[in-house]
Amino acid sequence: MEERRYRSASGGPIALRARQHSASCRELAVRCPRLQLRSLSAVTSAVWLAAYGLFVLSQESLLVIGSLGIQVTSSYASGKESTTFIEMSRVKDVVINEAIHMQKVIYYLCILLQDPGDPQGVSEVVPLFQSSKPRLDCLIEVYKSCQEILEQRKTTPPSNGIK
């Protein structure tokens, strides 16, 4: 398992942990610190500390399995976990998009879902790593890893389960 250090869009430290399970299965997790004290005001820090400790996001991960799909998991310090699975047949592409937020250009990774009625169209955009907000250098690494697996899917003919 390889871990690299990056910064979030707000400048805070985050870590990208990549684990290759097989040639067509890769897990990418972005971890951010559970608490950034400088973001809390001195007057309300005790109240915010308690609330923030319960709901702060500690890890977001992406498990890409070329033959099945993409699993997006968000784990919270409170123990809550949220998981979404997207079948690979619904995935059109994974892209890095840009947006303007508070007079800054920020980049984010998203999954484009194929429109069932129009093979060339996109029905939905699913943003990833919304809480940790990694910077472009980290997003590029995750993007390249996802593209490697998506390319394998395009070059490998689909199996119908019959041998």
C-alpha atoms as a PDB file:
ATOM      1  CA  MET A   1       0.000   0.000   0.000  1.00  0.00           C
ATOM      2  CA  GLU A   2       1.406   3.334  -1.064  1.00  0.00           C
ATOM      3  CA  GLU A   3       0.592   6.619   0.699  1.00  0.00           C
ATOM      4  CA  ARG A   4       1.365  10.093  -0.623  1.00  0.00           C
ATOM      5  CA  ARG A   5       0.855  13.454   1.063  1.00  0.00           C
ATOM      6  CA  TYR A   6      -1.082  16.285  -0.601  1.00  0.00           C
ATOM      7  CA  ARG A   7      -2.999  19.431   0.333  1.00  0.00           C
ATOM      8  CA  SER A   8      -6.731  20.084   0.171  1.00  0.00           C
ATOM      9  CA  ALA A   9      -8.251  23.023  -1.700  1.00  0.00           C
ATOM     10  CA  SER A  10      -8.184  24.976   1.565  1.00  0.00           C
ATOM     11  CA  GLY A  11      -4.503  24.140   2.140  1.00  0.00           C
ATOM     12  CA  GLY A  12      -4.944  21.518   4.866  1.00  0.00           C
ATOM     13  CA  PRO A  13      -2.967  18.264   4.831  1.00  0.00           C
ATOM     14  CA  ILE A  14      -4.520  15.150   3.256  1.00  0.00           C
ATOM     15  CA  ALA A  15      -3.138  11.740   2.329  1.00  0.00           C
ATOM     16  CA  LEU A  16      -3.880   9.569  -0.706  1.00  0.00           C
ATOM     17  CA  ARG A  17      -3.573   5.848  -0.034  1.00  0.00           C
ATOM     18  CA  ALA A  18      -3.581   3.584  -3.110  1.00  0.00           C
ATOM     19  CA  ARG A  19      -3.984  -0.174  -2.883  1.00  0.00           C
ATOM     20  CA  GLN A  20      -3.901  -2.402  -5.961  1.00  0.00           C
ATOM     21  CA  HIS A  21      -5.913  -5.590  -5.386  1.00  0.00           C
ATOM     22  CA  SER A  22      -5.428  -6.858  -8.962  1.00  0.00           C
ATOM     23  CA  ALA A  23      -4.812  -5.473 -12.461  1.00  0.00           C
ATOM     24  CA  SER A  24      -8.471  -4.470 -12.755  1.00  0.00           C
ATOM     25  CA  CYS A  25      -9.231  -3.610  -9.127  1.00  0.00           C
ATOM     26  CA  ARG A  26      -7.818  -0.598  -7.307  1.00  0.00           C
ATOM     27  CA  GLU A  27      -8.795   1.165  -4.079  1.00  0.00           C
ATOM     28  CA  LEU A  28      -8.014   4.859  -3.614  1.00  0.00           C
ATOM     29  CA  ALA A  29      -8.652   6.524  -0.251  1.00  0.00           C
ATOM     30  CA  VAL A  30      -8.280  10.190   0.629  1.00  0.00           C
ATOM     31  CA  ARG A  31      -7.804  10.790   4.354  1.00  0.00           C
ATOM     32  CA  CYS A  32      -8.016  14.170   6.001  1.00  0.00           C
ATOM     33  CA  PRO A  33      -7.405  15.109   9.624  1.00  0.00           C
ATOM     34  CA  ARG A  34     -10.383  14.799  11.881  1.00  0.00           C
ATOM     35  CA  LEU A  35     -10.014  18.290  13.251  1.00  0.00           C
ATOM     36  CA  GLN A  36      -8.456  21.535  12.055  1.00  0.00           C
ATOM     37  CA  LEU A  37      -8.369  23.823  15.074  1.00  0.00           C
ATOM     38  CA  ARG A  38      -7.505  26.968  13.139  1.00  0.00           C
ATOM     39  CA  SER A  39     -10.916  26.859  11.454  1.00  0.00           C
ATOM     40  CA  LEU A  40     -12.688  27.200  14.817  1.00  0.00           C
ATOM     41  CA  SER A  41     -13.175  30.566  16.465  1.00  0.00           C
ATOM     42  CA  ALA A  42     -11.824  31.014  19.994  1.00  0.00           C
ATOM     43  CA  VAL A  43     -15.216  31.918  21.472  1.00  0.00           C
ATOM     44  CA  THR A  44     -17.179  28.944  20.134  1.00  0.00           C
ATOM     45  CA  SER A  45     -14.410  26.355  19.987  1.00  0.00           C
ATOM     46  CA  ALA A  46     -15.736  24.183  22.848  1.00  0.00           C
ATOM     47  CA  VAL A  47     -19.198  23.865  21.278  1.00  0.00           C
ATOM     48  CA  TRP A  48     -17.880  23.381  17.758  1.00  0.00           C
ATOM     49  CA  LEU A  49     -15.288  20.885  18.945  1.00  0.00           C
ATOM     50  CA  ALA A  50     -17.958  18.574  20.321  1.00  0.00           C
ATOM     51  CA  ALA A  51     -20.198  18.869  17.249  1.00  0.00           C
ATOM     52  CA  TYR A  52     -17.315  18.732  14.798  1.00  0.00           C
ATOM     53  CA  GLY A  53     -15.886  15.632  16.467  1.00  0.00           C
ATOM     54  CA  LEU A  54     -19.162  13.778  15.892  1.00  0.00           C
ATOM     55  CA  PHE A  55     -19.679  14.630  12.250  1.00  0.00           C
ATOM     56  CA  VAL A  56     -16.251  15.264  10.763  1.00  0.00           C
ATOM     57  CA  LEU A  57     -15.310  13.156   7.774  1.00  0.00           C
ATOM     58  CA  SER A  58     -12.166  11.169   8.300  1.00  0.00           C
ATOM     59  CA  GLN A  59     -11.888   9.204   5.029  1.00  0.00           C
ATOM     60  CA  GLU A  60     -13.381   9.011   1.562  1.00  0.00           C
ATOM     61  CA  SER A  61     -12.494   6.051  -0.623  1.00  0.00           C
ATOM     62  CA  LEU A  62     -13.046   4.856  -4.145  1.00  0.00           C
ATOM     63  CA  LEU A  63     -12.906   1.155  -5.027  1.00  0.00           C
ATOM     64  CA  VAL A  64     -12.759   0.595  -8.784  1.00  0.00           C
ATOM     65  CA  ILE A  65     -13.382  -2.952  -9.996  1.00  0.00           C
ATOM     66  CA  GLY A  66     -13.235  -3.080 -13.782  1.00  0.00           C
ATOM     67  CA  SER A  67     -15.631  -6.005 -14.185  1.00  0.00           C
ATOM     68  CA  LEU A  68     -18.215  -4.813 -11.616  1.00  0.00           C
ATOM     69  CA  GLY A  69     -18.273  -1.117 -10.897  1.00  0.00           C
ATOM     70  CA  ILE A  70     -17.196   1.710  -8.632  1.00  0.00           C
ATOM     71  CA  GLN A  71     -17.857   1.853  -4.895  1.00  0.00           C
ATOM     72  CA  VAL A  72     -17.689   5.243  -3.176  1.00  0.00           C
ATOM     73  CA  THR A  73     -17.412   5.144   0.638  1.00  0.00           C
ATOM     74  CA  SER A  74     -17.344   7.987   3.162  1.00  0.00           C
ATOM     75  CA  SER A  75     -16.359   7.159   6.746  1.00  0.00           C
ATOM     76  CA  TYR A  76     -17.007   9.542   9.613  1.00  0.00           C
ATOM     77  CA  ALA A  77     -15.345   9.876  13.014  1.00  0.00           C
ATOM     78  CA  SER A  78     -18.696   9.125  14.658  1.00  0.00           C
ATOM     79  CA  GLY A  79     -18.557   5.630  13.136  1.00  0.00           C
ATOM     80  CA  LYS A  80     -21.165   6.373  10.469  1.00  0.00           C
ATOM     81  CA  GLU A  81     -20.331   5.099   6.996  1.00  0.00           C
ATOM     82  CA  SER A  82     -22.011   5.929   3.707  1.00  0.00           C
ATOM     83  CA  THR A  83     -21.490   3.680   0.667  1.00  0.00           C
ATOM     84  CA  THR A  84     -22.697   4.056  -2.919  1.00  0.00           C
ATOM     85  CA  PHE A  85     -22.146   1.500  -5.667  1.00  0.00           C
ATOM     86  CA  ILE A  86     -22.290   2.355  -9.370  1.00  0.00           C
ATOM     87  CA  GLU A  87     -22.421  -0.500 -11.877  1.00  0.00           C
ATOM     88  CA  MET A  88     -19.688  -0.305 -14.500  1.00  0.00           C
ATOM     89  CA  SER A  89     -22.294  -0.525 -17.295  1.00  0.00           C
ATOM     90  CA  ARG A  90     -23.627   2.872 -16.095  1.00  0.00           C
ATOM     91  CA  VAL A  91     -20.176   4.552 -16.035  1.00  0.00           C
ATOM     92  CA  LYS A  92     -19.472   6.608 -19.136  1.00  0.00           C
ATOM     93  CA  ASP A  93     -16.220   8.175 -17.884  1.00  0.00           C
ATOM     94  CA  VAL A  94     -14.322   9.616 -14.920  1.00  0.00           C
ATOM     95  CA  VAL A  95     -13.218  13.225 -15.425  1.00  0.00           C
ATOM     96  CA  ILE A  96     -11.643  16.145 -13.610  1.00  0.00           C
ATOM     97  CA  ASN A  97     -13.914  19.167 -13.753  1.00  0.00           C
ATOM     98  CA  GLU A  98     -13.371  22.727 -12.604  1.00  0.00           C
ATOM     99  CA  ALA A  99     -15.642  25.158 -10.817  1.00  0.00           C
ATOM    100  CA  ILE A 100     -15.431  28.678  -9.477  1.00  0.00           C
ATOM    101  CA  HIS A 101     -15.995  28.844  -5.728  1.00  0.00           C
ATOM    102  CA  MET A 102     -15.501  31.973  -3.617  1.00  0.00           C
ATOM    103  CA  GLN A 103     -13.391  33.691  -6.298  1.00  0.00           C
ATOM    104  CA  LYS A 104     -11.151  30.611  -6.680  1.00  0.00           C
ATOM    105  CA  VAL A 105     -10.985  27.940  -9.335  1.00  0.00           C
ATOM    106  CA  ILE A 106     -11.259  24.522  -7.723  1.00  0.00           C
ATOM    107  CA  TYR A 107     -10.968  21.128  -9.371  1.00  0.00           C
ATOM    108  CA  TYR A 108     -12.983  18.053  -8.532  1.00  0.00           C
ATOM    109  CA  LEU A 109     -13.183  14.481  -9.746  1.00  0.00           C
ATOM    110  CA  CYS A 110     -16.523  13.157 -10.930  1.00  0.00           C
ATOM    111  CA  ILE A 111     -18.097  10.103 -12.525  1.00  0.00           C
ATOM    112  CA  LEU A 112     -20.208  10.667 -15.623  1.00  0.00           C
ATOM    113  CA  LEU A 113     -23.155   8.263 -15.814  1.00  0.00           C
ATOM    114  CA  GLN A 114     -24.338   7.152 -19.229  1.00  0.00           C
ATOM    115  CA  ASP A 115     -27.815   8.196 -20.322  1.00  0.00           C
ATOM    116  CA  PRO A 116     -29.773   4.987 -21.037  1.00  0.00           C
ATOM    117  CA  GLY A 117     -31.794   6.723 -23.776  1.00  0.00           C
ATOM    118  CA  ASP A 118     -28.791   8.317 -25.515  1.00  0.00           C
ATOM    119  CA  PRO A 119     -25.471   6.374 -25.614  1.00  0.00           C
ATOM    120  CA  GLN A 120     -23.594   9.619 -26.345  1.00  0.00           C
ATOM    121  CA  GLY A 121     -25.297  11.545 -23.534  1.00  0.00           C
ATOM    122  CA  VAL A 122     -24.678  11.916 -19.814  1.00  0.00           C
ATOM    123  CA  SER A 123     -27.592  11.404 -17.418  1.00  0.00           C
ATOM    124  CA  GLU A 124     -25.866  12.355 -14.159  1.00  0.00           C
ATOM    125  CA  VAL A 125     -22.605  13.721 -12.759  1.00  0.00           C
ATOM    126  CA  VAL A 126     -21.469  12.171  -9.452  1.00  0.00           C
ATOM    127  CA  PRO A 127     -18.829  14.305  -7.677  1.00  0.00           C
ATOM    128  CA  LEU A 128     -16.186  12.497  -5.599  1.00  0.00           C
ATOM    129  CA  PHE A 129     -14.136  13.520  -2.535  1.00  0.00           C
ATOM    130  CA  GLN A 130     -16.524  16.383  -1.734  1.00  0.00           C
ATOM    131  CA  SER A 131     -15.474  16.736   1.898  1.00  0.00           C
ATOM    132  CA  SER A 132     -11.697  16.374   1.612  1.00  0.00           C
ATOM    133  CA  LYS A 133     -11.469  18.474  -1.583  1.00  0.00           C
ATOM    134  CA  PRO A 134      -8.006  17.320  -2.737  1.00  0.00           C
ATOM    135  CA  ARG A 135      -5.995  19.644  -4.963  1.00  0.00           C
ATOM    136  CA  LEU A 136      -5.327  19.001  -8.633  1.00  0.00           C
ATOM    137  CA  ASP A 137      -2.067  17.030  -8.166  1.00  0.00           C
ATOM    138  CA  CYS A 138      -3.852  14.434  -6.023  1.00  0.00           C
ATOM    139  CA  LEU A 139      -6.884  14.344  -8.334  1.00  0.00           C
ATOM    140  CA  ILE A 140      -4.640  13.683 -11.323  1.00  0.00           C
ATOM    141  CA  GLU A 141      -3.165  10.617  -9.647  1.00  0.00           C
ATOM    142  CA  VAL A 142      -6.617   9.218  -8.834  1.00  0.00           C
ATOM    143  CA  TYR A 143      -7.853  10.101 -12.339  1.00  0.00           C
ATOM    144  CA  LYS A 144      -4.965   8.268 -14.034  1.00  0.00           C
ATOM    145  CA  SER A 145      -5.538   5.204 -11.890  1.00  0.00           C
ATOM    146  CA  CYS A 146      -9.248   5.145 -12.746  1.00  0.00           C
ATOM    147  CA  GLN A 147      -8.523   5.656 -16.449  1.00  0.00           C
ATOM    148  CA  GLU A 148      -6.154   2.660 -16.506  1.00  0.00           C
ATOM    149  CA  ILE A 149      -8.975   0.402 -15.340  1.00  0.00           C
ATOM    150  CA  LEU A 150     -11.574   2.033 -17.626  1.00  0.00           C
ATOM    151  CA  GLU A 151      -9.243   1.533 -20.602  1.00  0.00           C
ATOM    152  CA  GLN A 152      -8.915  -2.176 -19.759  1.00  0.00           C
ATOM    153  CA  ARG A 153     -12.706  -2.392 -19.832  1.00  0.00           C
ATOM    154  CA  LYS A 154     -12.823  -0.829 -23.311  1.00  0.00           C
ATOM    155  CA  THR A 155     -10.166  -3.161 -24.758  1.00  0.00           C
ATOM    156  CA  THR A 156     -11.509  -6.353 -23.135  1.00  0.00           C
ATOM    157  CA  PRO A 157     -14.601  -7.781 -24.857  1.00  0.00           C
ATOM    158  CA  PRO A 158     -17.534  -8.237 -22.455  1.00  0.00           C
ATOM    159  CA  SER A 159     -18.127 -11.816 -21.365  1.00  0.00           C
ATOM    160  CA  ASN A 160     -21.638 -13.201 -21.422  1.00  0.00           C
ATOM    161  CA  GLY A 161     -20.956 -15.725 -18.668  1.00  0.00           C
ATOM    162  CA  ILE A 162     -21.023 -18.701 -21.081  1.00  0.00           C
ATOM    163  CA  LYS A 163     -17.870 -20.793 -21.346  1.00  0.00           C
END
